[in-house]
Amino acid sequence: MTFTPYDKDHVIAYLNEEVIEDFVPDDGDPMPRPVTAYAYTGPEADGGTLLEVSEISRDALINGVLRSTYSQSKEDAIKTHQLLVREDPDCPQASDYASEWAKFKVDREAAIALVDKWLTE
């Protein structure tokens, strides 16, 4: 799924998509057929996630997806930790900071790929 404008400051997006092959719906059909189903794990009742988005643009959507995982303060801390490691590569937290930076980069690239997919569908 993609995103849909929700109100002037938000979109609803469907993150963490799980594809369920051969799902048999319990819809009362005496001869149900397996189908491909999709599940989402967002906090909204339908599995969606409200993202704060100031405008419908690539950058704003990427930021919204990132904010669903990282607050601005957390992102700032991660980036500050990288500056600290540059100043003192032997600081006691260097390996922890390297791990958090690696995870942030993966999550950022995933957010970019997701938004780019949304915008080309």
PDB file of N, CA and C in Angstrom:
ATOM      1  N   MET A   1       0.838  -1.184   0.000  1.00  0.00           N
ATOM      2  CA  MET A   1       0.000   0.000   0.000  1.00  0.00           C
ATOM      3  C   MET A   1       0.878   1.241   0.000  1.00  0.00           C
ATOM      4  N   THR A   2       0.252   2.338  -0.153  1.00  0.00           N
ATOM      5  CA  THR A   2       0.949   3.608  -0.228  1.00  0.00           C
ATOM      6  C   THR A   2       0.475   4.500   0.919  1.00  0.00           C
ATOM      7  N   PHE A   3       0.489   5.780   0.741  1.00  0.00           N
ATOM      8  CA  PHE A   3       0.032   6.729   1.752  1.00  0.00           C
ATOM      9  C   PHE A   3      -1.192   7.456   1.207  1.00  0.00           C
ATOM     10  N   THR A   4      -1.962   8.028   2.126  1.00  0.00           N
ATOM     11  CA  THR A   4      -3.138   8.810   1.766  1.00  0.00           C
ATOM     12  C   THR A   4      -3.159  10.046   2.652  1.00  0.00           C
ATOM     13  N   PRO A   5      -3.426  11.227   2.086  1.00  0.00           N
ATOM     14  CA  PRO A   5      -3.567  12.403   2.951  1.00  0.00           C
ATOM     15  C   PRO A   5      -4.639  12.136   4.006  1.00  0.00           C
ATOM     16  N   TYR A   6      -4.358  12.542   5.235  1.00  0.00           N
ATOM     17  CA  TYR A   6      -5.265  12.303   6.354  1.00  0.00           C
ATOM     18  C   TYR A   6      -5.909  13.605   6.815  1.00  0.00           C
ATOM     19  N   ASP A   7      -5.070  14.589   7.067  1.00  0.00           N
ATOM     20  CA  ASP A   7      -5.533  15.945   7.367  1.00  0.00           C
ATOM     21  C   ASP A   7      -4.430  16.892   6.905  1.00  0.00           C
ATOM     22  N   LYS A   8      -4.520  18.163   7.247  1.00  0.00           N
ATOM     23  CA  LYS A   8      -3.560  19.118   6.689  1.00  0.00           C
ATOM     24  C   LYS A   8      -2.123  18.889   7.147  1.00  0.00           C
ATOM     25  N   ASP A   9      -1.923  18.157   8.232  1.00  0.00           N
ATOM     26  CA  ASP A   9      -0.578  17.948   8.767  1.00  0.00           C
ATOM     27  C   ASP A   9      -0.127  16.485   8.770  1.00  0.00           C
ATOM     28  N   HIS A  10      -0.947  15.581   8.259  1.00  0.00           N
ATOM     29  CA  HIS A  10      -0.626  14.160   8.349  1.00  0.00           C
ATOM     30  C   HIS A  10      -1.028  13.399   7.087  1.00  0.00           C
ATOM     31  N   VAL A  11      -0.335  12.296   6.895  1.00  0.00           N
ATOM     32  CA  VAL A  11      -0.775  11.275   5.947  1.00  0.00           C
ATOM     33  C   VAL A  11      -0.904   9.986   6.744  1.00  0.00           C
ATOM     34  N   ILE A  12      -1.722   9.083   6.259  1.00  0.00           N
ATOM     35  CA  ILE A  12      -1.752   7.748   6.854  1.00  0.00           C
ATOM     36  C   ILE A  12      -1.014   6.835   5.885  1.00  0.00           C
ATOM     37  N   ALA A  13      -0.092   6.088   6.429  1.00  0.00           N
ATOM     38  CA  ALA A  13       0.743   5.209   5.618  1.00  0.00           C
ATOM     39  C   ALA A  13       0.677   3.808   6.192  1.00  0.00           C
ATOM     40  N   TYR A  14       0.983   2.859   5.361  1.00  0.00           N
ATOM     41  CA  TYR A  14       0.923   1.459   5.763  1.00  0.00           C
ATOM     42  C   TYR A  14       2.331   0.893   5.684  1.00  0.00           C
ATOM     43  N   LEU A  15       2.971   0.864   6.850  1.00  0.00           N
ATOM     44  CA  LEU A  15       4.353   0.442   6.971  1.00  0.00           C
ATOM     45  C   LEU A  15       4.396  -1.017   7.427  1.00  0.00           C
ATOM     46  N   ASN A  16       5.540  -1.606   7.367  1.00  0.00           N
ATOM     47  CA  ASN A  16       5.742  -2.966   7.884  1.00  0.00           C
ATOM     48  C   ASN A  16       4.774  -3.955   7.249  1.00  0.00           C
ATOM     49  N   GLU A  17       4.669  -3.910   5.942  1.00  0.00           N
ATOM     50  CA  GLU A  17       3.744  -4.782   5.228  1.00  0.00           C
ATOM     51  C   GLU A  17       4.193  -6.232   5.327  1.00  0.00           C
ATOM     52  N   GLU A  18       3.253  -7.093   5.669  1.00  0.00           N
ATOM     53  CA  GLU A  18       3.490  -8.531   5.693  1.00  0.00           C
ATOM     54  C   GLU A  18       2.582  -9.160   4.643  1.00  0.00           C
ATOM     55  N   VAL A  19       3.168  -9.899   3.715  1.00  0.00           N
ATOM     56  CA  VAL A  19       2.401 -10.598   2.687  1.00  0.00           C
ATOM     57  C   VAL A  19       2.106 -11.992   3.214  1.00  0.00           C
ATOM     58  N   ILE A  20       0.829 -12.362   3.197  1.00  0.00           N
ATOM     59  CA  ILE A  20       0.410 -13.668   3.692  1.00  0.00           C
ATOM     60  C   ILE A  20      -0.142 -14.451   2.501  1.00  0.00           C
ATOM     61  N   GLU A  21       0.655 -15.386   2.021  1.00  0.00           N
ATOM     62  CA  GLU A  21       0.250 -16.220   0.883  1.00  0.00           C
ATOM     63  C   GLU A  21      -0.735 -17.292   1.352  1.00  0.00           C
ATOM     64  N   ASP A  22      -1.638 -17.651   0.476  1.00  0.00           N
ATOM     65  CA  ASP A  22      -2.591 -18.737   0.726  1.00  0.00           C
ATOM     66  C   ASP A  22      -3.432 -18.529   1.989  1.00  0.00           C
ATOM     67  N   PHE A  23      -3.799 -17.294   2.249  1.00  0.00           N
ATOM     68  CA  PHE A  23      -4.680 -16.985   3.374  1.00  0.00           C
ATOM     69  C   PHE A  23      -6.100 -17.410   3.002  1.00  0.00           C
ATOM     70  N   VAL A  24      -6.761 -18.106   3.910  1.00  0.00           N
ATOM     71  CA  VAL A  24      -8.134 -18.538   3.666  1.00  0.00           C
ATOM     72  C   VAL A  24      -9.050 -17.669   4.514  1.00  0.00           C
ATOM     73  N   PRO A  25      -9.789 -16.754   3.864  1.00  0.00           N
ATOM     74  CA  PRO A  25     -10.655 -15.852   4.632  1.00  0.00           C
ATOM     75  C   PRO A  25     -11.829 -16.607   5.259  1.00  0.00           C
ATOM     76  N   ASP A  26     -12.213 -16.166   6.424  1.00  0.00           N
ATOM     77  CA  ASP A  26     -13.374 -16.740   7.111  1.00  0.00           C
ATOM     78  C   ASP A  26     -14.542 -15.786   6.885  1.00  0.00           C
ATOM     79  N   ASP A  27     -15.070 -15.831   5.647  1.00  0.00           N
ATOM     80  CA  ASP A  27     -16.130 -14.890   5.296  1.00  0.00           C
ATOM     81  C   ASP A  27     -17.478 -15.576   5.073  1.00  0.00           C
ATOM     82  N   GLY A  28     -17.601 -16.805   5.557  1.00  0.00           N
ATOM     83  CA  GLY A  28     -18.867 -17.507   5.445  1.00  0.00           C
ATOM     84  C   GLY A  28     -19.039 -18.281   4.151  1.00  0.00           C
ATOM     85  N   ASP A  29     -18.107 -18.156   3.231  1.00  0.00           N
ATOM     86  CA  ASP A  29     -18.168 -18.891   1.975  1.00  0.00           C
ATOM     87  C   ASP A  29     -17.963 -20.376   2.280  1.00  0.00           C
ATOM     88  N   PRO A  30     -18.903 -21.254   1.838  1.00  0.00           N
ATOM     89  CA  PRO A  30     -18.759 -22.680   2.145  1.00  0.00           C
ATOM     90  C   PRO A  30     -17.540 -23.319   1.456  1.00  0.00           C
ATOM     91  N   MET A  31     -17.042 -22.711   0.391  1.00  0.00           N
ATOM     92  CA  MET A  31     -15.870 -23.233  -0.313  1.00  0.00           C
ATOM     93  C   MET A  31     -14.847 -22.101  -0.472  1.00  0.00           C
ATOM     94  N   PRO A  32     -14.266 -21.647   0.647  1.00  0.00           N
ATOM     95  CA  PRO A  32     -13.336 -20.510   0.542  1.00  0.00           C
ATOM     96  C   PRO A  32     -12.094 -20.878  -0.252  1.00  0.00           C
ATOM     97  N   ARG A  33     -11.592 -19.904  -0.987  1.00  0.00           N
ATOM     98  CA  ARG A  33     -10.369 -20.086  -1.771  1.00  0.00           C
ATOM     99  C   ARG A  33      -9.235 -19.306  -1.122  1.00  0.00           C
ATOM    100  N   PRO A  34      -8.059 -19.873  -1.130  1.00  0.00           N
ATOM    101  CA  PRO A  34      -6.915 -19.117  -0.600  1.00  0.00           C
ATOM    102  C   PRO A  34      -6.641 -17.886  -1.463  1.00  0.00           C
ATOM    103  N   VAL A  35      -6.234 -16.817  -0.800  1.00  0.00           N
ATOM    104  CA  VAL A  35      -5.893 -15.570  -1.469  1.00  0.00           C
ATOM    105  C   VAL A  35      -4.576 -15.053  -0.894  1.00  0.00           C
ATOM    106  N   THR A  36      -3.999 -14.080  -1.569  1.00  0.00           N
ATOM    107  CA  THR A  36      -2.859 -13.375  -1.003  1.00  0.00           C
ATOM    108  C   THR A  36      -3.416 -12.229  -0.170  1.00  0.00           C
ATOM    109  N   ALA A  37      -3.017 -12.174   1.087  1.00  0.00           N
ATOM    110  CA  ALA A  37      -3.506 -11.138   2.003  1.00  0.00           C
ATOM    111  C   ALA A  37      -2.331 -10.277   2.466  1.00  0.00           C
ATOM    112  N   TYR A  38      -2.662  -9.115   2.989  1.00  0.00           N
ATOM    113  CA  TYR A  38      -1.641  -8.183   3.464  1.00  0.00           C
ATOM    114  C   TYR A  38      -2.010  -7.740   4.872  1.00  0.00           C
ATOM    115  N   ALA A  39      -1.009  -7.651   5.729  1.00  0.00           N
ATOM    116  CA  ALA A  39      -1.219  -7.192   7.102  1.00  0.00           C
ATOM    117  C   ALA A  39      -0.231  -6.067   7.391  1.00  0.00           C
ATOM    118  N   TYR A  40      -0.668  -5.138   8.225  1.00  0.00           N
ATOM    119  CA  TYR A  40       0.150  -3.990   8.597  1.00  0.00           C
ATOM    120  C   TYR A  40       0.157  -3.871  10.115  1.00  0.00           C
ATOM    121  N   THR A  41       1.243  -3.380  10.679  1.00  0.00           N
ATOM    122  CA  THR A  41       1.395  -3.385  12.130  1.00  0.00           C
ATOM    123  C   THR A  41       1.475  -1.986  12.731  1.00  0.00           C
ATOM    124  N   GLY A  42       0.843  -1.029  12.105  1.00  0.00           N
ATOM    125  CA  GLY A  42       0.843   0.329  12.649  1.00  0.00           C
ATOM    126  C   GLY A  42      -0.143   0.464  13.799  1.00  0.00           C
ATOM    127  N   PRO A  43      -0.069   1.558  14.545  1.00  0.00           N
ATOM    128  CA  PRO A  43      -0.901   1.745  15.730  1.00  0.00           C
ATOM    129  C   PRO A  43      -2.372   2.081  15.453  1.00  0.00           C
ATOM    130  N   GLU A  44      -2.721   2.460  14.232  1.00  0.00           N
ATOM    131  CA  GLU A  44      -4.116   2.781  13.932  1.00  0.00           C
ATOM    132  C   GLU A  44      -4.925   1.484  13.805  1.00  0.00           C
ATOM    133  N   ALA A  45      -6.237   1.591  13.938  1.00  0.00           N
ATOM    134  CA  ALA A  45      -7.101   0.406  13.937  1.00  0.00           C
ATOM    135  C   ALA A  45      -6.933  -0.455  12.682  1.00  0.00           C
ATOM    136  N   ASP A  46      -6.659   0.165  11.550  1.00  0.00           N
ATOM    137  CA  ASP A  46      -6.504  -0.583  10.305  1.00  0.00           C
ATOM    138  C   ASP A  46      -5.050  -0.975  10.022  1.00  0.00           C
ATOM    139  N   GLY A  47      -4.174  -0.775  11.001  1.00  0.00           N
ATOM    140  CA  GLY A  47      -2.762  -1.102  10.821  1.00  0.00           C
ATOM    141  C   GLY A  47      -1.947   0.021  10.223  1.00  0.00           C
ATOM    142  N   GLY A  48      -2.573   1.146   9.953  1.00  0.00           N
ATOM    143  CA  GLY A  48      -1.859   2.289   9.399  1.00  0.00           C
ATOM    144  C   GLY A  48      -1.068   3.044  10.461  1.00  0.00           C
ATOM    145  N   THR A  49      -0.244   3.956   9.985  1.00  0.00           N
ATOM    146  CA  THR A  49       0.555   4.805  10.864  1.00  0.00           C
ATOM    147  C   THR A  49       0.379   6.245  10.405  1.00  0.00           C
ATOM    148  N   LEU A  50      -0.007   7.125  11.320  1.00  0.00           N
ATOM    149  CA  LEU A  50      -0.104   8.547  10.981  1.00  0.00           C
ATOM    150  C   LEU A  50       1.298   9.138  10.980  1.00  0.00           C
ATOM    151  N   LEU A  51       1.649   9.769   9.871  1.00  0.00           N
ATOM    152  CA  LEU A  51       2.949  10.415   9.745  1.00  0.00           C
ATOM    153  C   LEU A  51       2.733  11.917   9.672  1.00  0.00           C
ATOM    154  N   GLU A  52       3.500  12.662  10.457  1.00  0.00           N
ATOM    155  CA  GLU A  52       3.431  14.118  10.385  1.00  0.00           C
ATOM    156  C   GLU A  52       4.182  14.555   9.134  1.00  0.00           C
ATOM    157  N   VAL A  53       3.452  15.176   8.219  1.00  0.00           N
ATOM    158  CA  VAL A  53       4.016  15.586   6.933  1.00  0.00           C
ATOM    159  C   VAL A  53       3.513  16.992   6.636  1.00  0.00           C
ATOM    160  N   SER A  54       4.445  17.926   6.504  1.00  0.00           N
ATOM    161  CA  SER A  54       4.076  19.322   6.294  1.00  0.00           C
ATOM    162  C   SER A  54       3.557  19.585   4.886  1.00  0.00           C
ATOM    163  N   GLU A  55       3.993  18.752   3.930  1.00  0.00           N
ATOM    164  CA  GLU A  55       3.554  18.870   2.538  1.00  0.00           C
ATOM    165  C   GLU A  55       3.774  17.510   1.877  1.00  0.00           C
ATOM    166  N   ILE A  56       3.097  17.297   0.771  1.00  0.00           N
ATOM    167  CA  ILE A  56       3.282  16.048   0.037  1.00  0.00           C
ATOM    168  C   ILE A  56       4.459  16.250  -0.917  1.00  0.00           C
ATOM    169  N   SER A  57       5.634  15.933  -0.406  1.00  0.00           N
ATOM    170  CA  SER A  57       6.853  16.001  -1.209  1.00  0.00           C
ATOM    171  C   SER A  57       7.739  14.832  -0.791  1.00  0.00           C
ATOM    172  N   ARG A  58       8.684  14.501  -1.637  1.00  0.00           N
ATOM    173  CA  ARG A  58       9.587  13.386  -1.345  1.00  0.00           C
ATOM    174  C   ARG A  58      10.295  13.603  -0.007  1.00  0.00           C
ATOM    175  N   ASP A  59      10.885  14.771   0.172  1.00  0.00           N
ATOM    176  CA  ASP A  59      11.635  15.040   1.400  1.00  0.00           C
ATOM    177  C   ASP A  59      10.739  14.981   2.641  1.00  0.00           C
ATOM    178  N   ALA A  60       9.565  15.574   2.564  1.00  0.00           N
ATOM    179  CA  ALA A  60       8.660  15.585   3.716  1.00  0.00           C
ATOM    180  C   ALA A  60       8.187  14.166   4.046  1.00  0.00           C
ATOM    181  N   LEU A  61       7.923  13.363   3.020  1.00  0.00           N
ATOM    182  CA  LEU A  61       7.490  11.985   3.273  1.00  0.00           C
ATOM    183  C   LEU A  61       8.616  11.155   3.877  1.00  0.00           C
ATOM    184  N   ILE A  62       9.832  11.316   3.368  1.00  0.00           N
ATOM    185  CA  ILE A  62      10.978  10.587   3.942  1.00  0.00           C
ATOM    186  C   ILE A  62      11.140  10.981   5.409  1.00  0.00           C
ATOM    187  N   ASN A  63      11.067  12.274   5.687  1.00  0.00           N
ATOM    188  CA  ASN A  63      11.174  12.738   7.069  1.00  0.00           C
ATOM    189  C   ASN A  63      10.059  12.136   7.926  1.00  0.00           C
ATOM    190  N   GLY A  64       8.847  12.094   7.411  1.00  0.00           N
ATOM    191  CA  GLY A  64       7.730  11.519   8.155  1.00  0.00           C
ATOM    192  C   GLY A  64       7.949  10.054   8.484  1.00  0.00           C
ATOM    193  N   VAL A  65       8.447   9.294   7.515  1.00  0.00           N
ATOM    194  CA  VAL A  65       8.726   7.885   7.762  1.00  0.00           C
ATOM    195  C   VAL A  65       9.828   7.749   8.814  1.00  0.00           C
ATOM    196  N   LEU A  66      10.884   8.536   8.687  1.00  0.00           N
ATOM    197  CA  LEU A  66      11.963   8.479   9.691  1.00  0.00           C
ATOM    198  C   LEU A  66      11.453   8.829  11.083  1.00  0.00           C
ATOM    199  N   ARG A  67      10.573   9.831  11.174  1.00  0.00           N
ATOM    200  CA  ARG A  67      10.051  10.235  12.479  1.00  0.00           C
ATOM    201  C   ARG A  67       9.174   9.158  13.104  1.00  0.00           C
ATOM    202  N   SER A  68       8.680   8.210  12.309  1.00  0.00           N
ATOM    203  CA  SER A  68       7.901   7.115  12.893  1.00  0.00           C
ATOM    204  C   SER A  68       8.789   6.191  13.721  1.00  0.00           C
ATOM    205  N   THR A  69      10.104   6.283  13.514  1.00  0.00           N
ATOM    206  CA  THR A  69      11.065   5.471  14.259  1.00  0.00           C
ATOM    207  C   THR A  69      11.977   6.318  15.135  1.00  0.00           C
ATOM    208  N   TYR A  70      12.408   7.463  14.626  1.00  0.00           N
ATOM    209  CA  TYR A  70      13.373   8.318  15.312  1.00  0.00           C
ATOM    210  C   TYR A  70      12.779   9.705  15.535  1.00  0.00           C
ATOM    211  N   SER A  71      12.747  10.142  16.781  1.00  0.00           N
ATOM    212  CA  SER A  71      12.380  11.535  17.019  1.00  0.00           C
ATOM    213  C   SER A  71      13.514  12.410  16.480  1.00  0.00           C
ATOM    214  N   GLN A  72      13.232  13.674  16.282  1.00  0.00           N
ATOM    215  CA  GLN A  72      14.291  14.586  15.837  1.00  0.00           C
ATOM    216  C   GLN A  72      15.425  14.604  16.859  1.00  0.00           C
ATOM    217  N   SER A  73      15.073  14.569  18.134  1.00  0.00           N
ATOM    218  CA  SER A  73      16.101  14.572  19.184  1.00  0.00           C
ATOM    219  C   SER A  73      16.985  13.334  19.104  1.00  0.00           C
ATOM    220  N   LYS A  74      16.390  12.179  18.861  1.00  0.00           N
ATOM    221  CA  LYS A  74      17.172  10.945  18.760  1.00  0.00           C
ATOM    222  C   LYS A  74      18.093  11.004  17.543  1.00  0.00           C
ATOM    223  N   GLU A  75      17.574  11.467  16.407  1.00  0.00           N
ATOM    224  CA  GLU A  75      18.419  11.596  15.224  1.00  0.00           C
ATOM    225  C   GLU A  75      19.579  12.556  15.487  1.00  0.00           C
ATOM    226  N   ASP A  76      19.295  13.674  16.135  1.00  0.00           N
ATOM    227  CA  ASP A  76      20.351  14.637  16.459  1.00  0.00           C
ATOM    228  C   ASP A  76      21.408  13.995  17.358  1.00  0.00           C
ATOM    229  N   ALA A  77      20.975  13.209  18.323  1.00  0.00           N
ATOM    230  CA  ALA A  77      21.926  12.543  19.223  1.00  0.00           C
ATOM    231  C   ALA A  77      22.808  11.569  18.451  1.00  0.00           C
ATOM    232  N   ILE A  78      22.220  10.803  17.552  1.00  0.00           N
ATOM    233  CA  ILE A  78      22.998   9.852  16.749  1.00  0.00           C
ATOM    234  C   ILE A  78      24.054  10.588  15.931  1.00  0.00           C
ATOM    235  N   LYS A  79      23.660  11.688  15.319  1.00  0.00           N
ATOM    236  CA  LYS A  79      24.611  12.461  14.515  1.00  0.00           C
ATOM    237  C   LYS A  79      25.687  13.115  15.393  1.00  0.00           C
ATOM    238  N   THR A  80      25.307  13.584  16.570  1.00  0.00           N
ATOM    239  CA  THR A  80      26.278  14.154  17.496  1.00  0.00           C
ATOM    240  C   THR A  80      27.281  13.091  17.940  1.00  0.00           C
ATOM    241  N   HIS A  81      26.794  11.884  18.161  1.00  0.00           N
ATOM    242  CA  HIS A  81      27.704  10.798  18.541  1.00  0.00           C
ATOM    243  C   HIS A  81      28.748  10.553  17.460  1.00  0.00           C
ATOM    244  N   GLN A  82      28.362  10.703  16.211  1.00  0.00           N
ATOM    245  CA  GLN A  82      29.329  10.520  15.125  1.00  0.00           C
ATOM    246  C   GLN A  82      30.408  11.604  15.162  1.00  0.00           C
ATOM    247  N   LEU A  83      30.018  12.806  15.499  1.00  0.00           N
ATOM    248  CA  LEU A  83      31.005  13.883  15.642  1.00  0.00           C
ATOM    249  C   LEU A  83      31.961  13.593  16.799  1.00  0.00           C
ATOM    250  N   LEU A  84      31.414  13.071  17.890  1.00  0.00           N
ATOM    251  CA  LEU A  84      32.256  12.729  19.037  1.00  0.00           C
ATOM    252  C   LEU A  84      33.278  11.658  18.669  1.00  0.00           C
ATOM    253  N   VAL A  85      32.855  10.672  17.904  1.00  0.00           N
ATOM    254  CA  VAL A  85      33.759   9.591  17.488  1.00  0.00           C
ATOM    255  C   VAL A  85      34.830  10.133  16.544  1.00  0.00           C
ATOM    256  N   ARG A  86      34.476  11.082  15.708  1.00  0.00           N
ATOM    257  CA  ARG A  86      35.492  11.684  14.823  1.00  0.00           C
ATOM    258  C   ARG A  86      36.563  12.412  15.634  1.00  0.00           C
ATOM    259  N   GLU A  87      36.127  13.082  16.697  1.00  0.00           N
ATOM    260  CA  GLU A  87      37.072  13.791  17.554  1.00  0.00           C
ATOM    261  C   GLU A  87      37.912  12.838  18.391  1.00  0.00           C
ATOM    262  N   ASP A  88      37.297  11.728  18.836  1.00  0.00           N
ATOM    263  CA  ASP A  88      37.996  10.768  19.695  1.00  0.00           C
ATOM    264  C   ASP A  88      37.593   9.349  19.290  1.00  0.00           C
ATOM    265  N   PRO A  89      38.256   8.781  18.284  1.00  0.00           N
ATOM    266  CA  PRO A  89      37.904   7.441  17.811  1.00  0.00           C
ATOM    267  C   PRO A  89      38.027   6.357  18.881  1.00  0.00           C
ATOM    268  N   ASP A  90      38.762   6.634  19.937  1.00  0.00           N
ATOM    269  CA  ASP A  90      38.950   5.640  21.000  1.00  0.00           C
ATOM    270  C   ASP A  90      38.039   5.876  22.203  1.00  0.00           C
ATOM    271  N   CYS A  91      37.024   6.720  22.036  1.00  0.00           N
ATOM    272  CA  CYS A  91      36.130   6.965  23.168  1.00  0.00           C
ATOM    273  C   CYS A  91      35.446   5.659  23.577  1.00  0.00           C
ATOM    274  N   PRO A  92      35.099   5.514  24.854  1.00  0.00           N
ATOM    275  CA  PRO A  92      34.544   4.247  25.344  1.00  0.00           C
ATOM    276  C   PRO A  92      33.265   3.791  24.628  1.00  0.00           C
ATOM    277  N   GLN A  93      32.485   4.718  24.101  1.00  0.00           N
ATOM    278  CA  GLN A  93      31.211   4.367  23.453  1.00  0.00           C
ATOM    279  C   GLN A  93      31.344   4.197  21.942  1.00  0.00           C
ATOM    280  N   ALA A  94      32.539   4.226  21.400  1.00  0.00           N
ATOM    281  CA  ALA A  94      32.739   4.223  19.945  1.00  0.00           C
ATOM    282  C   ALA A  94      32.022   3.068  19.257  1.00  0.00           C
ATOM    283  N   SER A  95      32.092   1.864  19.803  1.00  0.00           N
ATOM    284  CA  SER A  95      31.441   0.725  19.128  1.00  0.00           C
ATOM    285  C   SER A  95      29.922   0.840  19.200  1.00  0.00           C
ATOM    286  N   ASP A  96      29.393   1.337  20.330  1.00  0.00           N
ATOM    287  CA  ASP A  96      27.945   1.559  20.432  1.00  0.00           C
ATOM    288  C   ASP A  96      27.483   2.599  19.429  1.00  0.00           C
ATOM    289  N   TYR A  97      28.255   3.673  19.311  1.00  0.00           N
ATOM    290  CA  TYR A  97      27.904   4.742  18.379  1.00  0.00           C
ATOM    291  C   TYR A  97      27.978   4.260  16.936  1.00  0.00           C
ATOM    292  N   ALA A  98      28.942   3.399  16.641  1.00  0.00           N
ATOM    293  CA  ALA A  98      29.042   2.841  15.289  1.00  0.00           C
ATOM    294  C   ALA A  98      27.825   1.974  14.978  1.00  0.00           C
ATOM    295  N   SER A  99      27.371   1.207  15.957  1.00  0.00           N
ATOM    296  CA  SER A  99      26.193   0.351  15.757  1.00  0.00           C
ATOM    297  C   SER A  99      24.931   1.169  15.533  1.00  0.00           C
ATOM    298  N   GLU A 100      24.742   2.212  16.342  1.00  0.00           N
ATOM    299  CA  GLU A 100      23.529   3.026  16.176  1.00  0.00           C
ATOM    300  C   GLU A 100      23.551   3.775  14.849  1.00  0.00           C
ATOM    301  N   TRP A 101      24.734   4.200  14.397  1.00  0.00           N
ATOM    302  CA  TRP A 101      24.856   4.888  13.117  1.00  0.00           C
ATOM    303  C   TRP A 101      24.541   3.939  11.970  1.00  0.00           C
ATOM    304  N   ALA A 102      25.052   2.718  12.049  1.00  0.00           N
ATOM    305  CA  ALA A 102      24.787   1.729  10.997  1.00  0.00           C
ATOM    306  C   ALA A 102      23.292   1.439  10.902  1.00  0.00           C
ATOM    307  N   LYS A 103      22.622   1.283  12.039  1.00  0.00           N
ATOM    308  CA  LYS A 103      21.181   1.022  12.034  1.00  0.00           C
ATOM    309  C   LYS A 103      20.418   2.217  11.466  1.00  0.00           C
ATOM    310  N   PHE A 104      20.801   3.425  11.869  1.00  0.00           N
ATOM    311  CA  PHE A 104      20.140   4.619  11.356  1.00  0.00           C
ATOM    312  C   PHE A 104      20.279   4.705   9.837  1.00  0.00           C
ATOM    313  N   LYS A 105      21.479   4.440   9.318  1.00  0.00           N
ATOM    314  CA  LYS A 105      21.686   4.505   7.868  1.00  0.00           C
ATOM    315  C   LYS A 105      20.803   3.492   7.138  1.00  0.00           C
ATOM    316  N   VAL A 106      20.691   2.283   7.670  1.00  0.00           N
ATOM    317  CA  VAL A 106      19.828   1.266   7.055  1.00  0.00           C
ATOM    318  C   VAL A 106      18.373   1.738   7.074  1.00  0.00           C
ATOM    319  N   ASP A 107      17.919   2.244   8.218  1.00  0.00           N
ATOM    320  CA  ASP A 107      16.538   2.717   8.330  1.00  0.00           C
ATOM    321  C   ASP A 107      16.280   3.903   7.406  1.00  0.00           C
ATOM    322  N   ARG A 108      17.245   4.789   7.271  1.00  0.00           N
ATOM    323  CA  ARG A 108      17.101   5.940   6.380  1.00  0.00           C
ATOM    324  C   ARG A 108      16.999   5.490   4.932  1.00  0.00           C
ATOM    325  N   GLU A 109      17.861   4.564   4.525  1.00  0.00           N
ATOM    326  CA  GLU A 109      17.810   4.049   3.150  1.00  0.00           C
ATOM    327  C   GLU A 109      16.488   3.324   2.889  1.00  0.00           C
ATOM    328  N   ALA A 110      15.981   2.603   3.878  1.00  0.00           N
ATOM    329  CA  ALA A 110      14.683   1.930   3.725  1.00  0.00           C
ATOM    330  C   ALA A 110      13.561   2.952   3.573  1.00  0.00           C
ATOM    331  N   ALA A 111      13.616   4.050   4.334  1.00  0.00           N
ATOM    332  CA  ALA A 111      12.601   5.109   4.224  1.00  0.00           C
ATOM    333  C   ALA A 111      12.642   5.731   2.835  1.00  0.00           C
ATOM    334  N   ILE A 112      13.847   5.993   2.327  1.00  0.00           N
ATOM    335  CA  ILE A 112      13.990   6.569   0.988  1.00  0.00           C
ATOM    336  C   ILE A 112      13.434   5.618  -0.062  1.00  0.00           C
ATOM    337  N   ALA A 113      13.777   4.349   0.034  1.00  0.00           N
ATOM    338  CA  ALA A 113      13.294   3.362  -0.946  1.00  0.00           C
ATOM    339  C   ALA A 113      11.768   3.250  -0.897  1.00  0.00           C
ATOM    340  N   LEU A 114      11.193   3.252   0.297  1.00  0.00           N
ATOM    341  CA  LEU A 114       9.742   3.154   0.433  1.00  0.00           C
ATOM    342  C   LEU A 114       9.053   4.358  -0.193  1.00  0.00           C
ATOM    343  N   VAL A 115       9.515   5.547   0.118  1.00  0.00           N
ATOM    344  CA  VAL A 115       8.896   6.764  -0.426  1.00  0.00           C
ATOM    345  C   VAL A 115       9.074   6.801  -1.947  1.00  0.00           C
ATOM    346  N   ASP A 116      10.247   6.444  -2.431  1.00  0.00           N
ATOM    347  CA  ASP A 116      10.449   6.424  -3.881  1.00  0.00           C
ATOM    348  C   ASP A 116       9.496   5.437  -4.546  1.00  0.00           C
ATOM    349  N   LYS A 117       9.249   4.305  -3.905  1.00  0.00           N
ATOM    350  CA  LYS A 117       8.281   3.337  -4.428  1.00  0.00           C
ATOM    351  C   LYS A 117       6.878   3.938  -4.452  1.00  0.00           C
ATOM    352  N   TRP A 118       6.495   4.599  -3.372  1.00  0.00           N
ATOM    353  CA  TRP A 118       5.178   5.241  -3.310  1.00  0.00           C
ATOM    354  C   TRP A 118       5.015   6.230  -4.455  1.00  0.00           C
ATOM    355  N   LEU A 119       6.044   7.012  -4.702  1.00  0.00           N
ATOM    356  CA  LEU A 119       5.929   8.095  -5.671  1.00  0.00           C
ATOM    357  C   LEU A 119       6.010   7.627  -7.109  1.00  0.00           C
ATOM    358  N   THR A 120       6.393   6.381  -7.343  1.00  0.00           N
ATOM    359  CA  THR A 120       6.437   5.864  -8.712  1.00  0.00           C
ATOM    360  C   THR A 120       5.291   4.907  -9.003  1.00  0.00           C
ATOM    361  N   GLU A 121       4.469   4.613  -8.007  1.00  0.00           N
ATOM    362  CA  GLU A 121       3.335   3.699  -8.237  1.00  0.00           C
ATOM    363  C   GLU A 121       2.175   4.426  -8.879  1.00  0.00           C
TER     364      GLU A 121
END
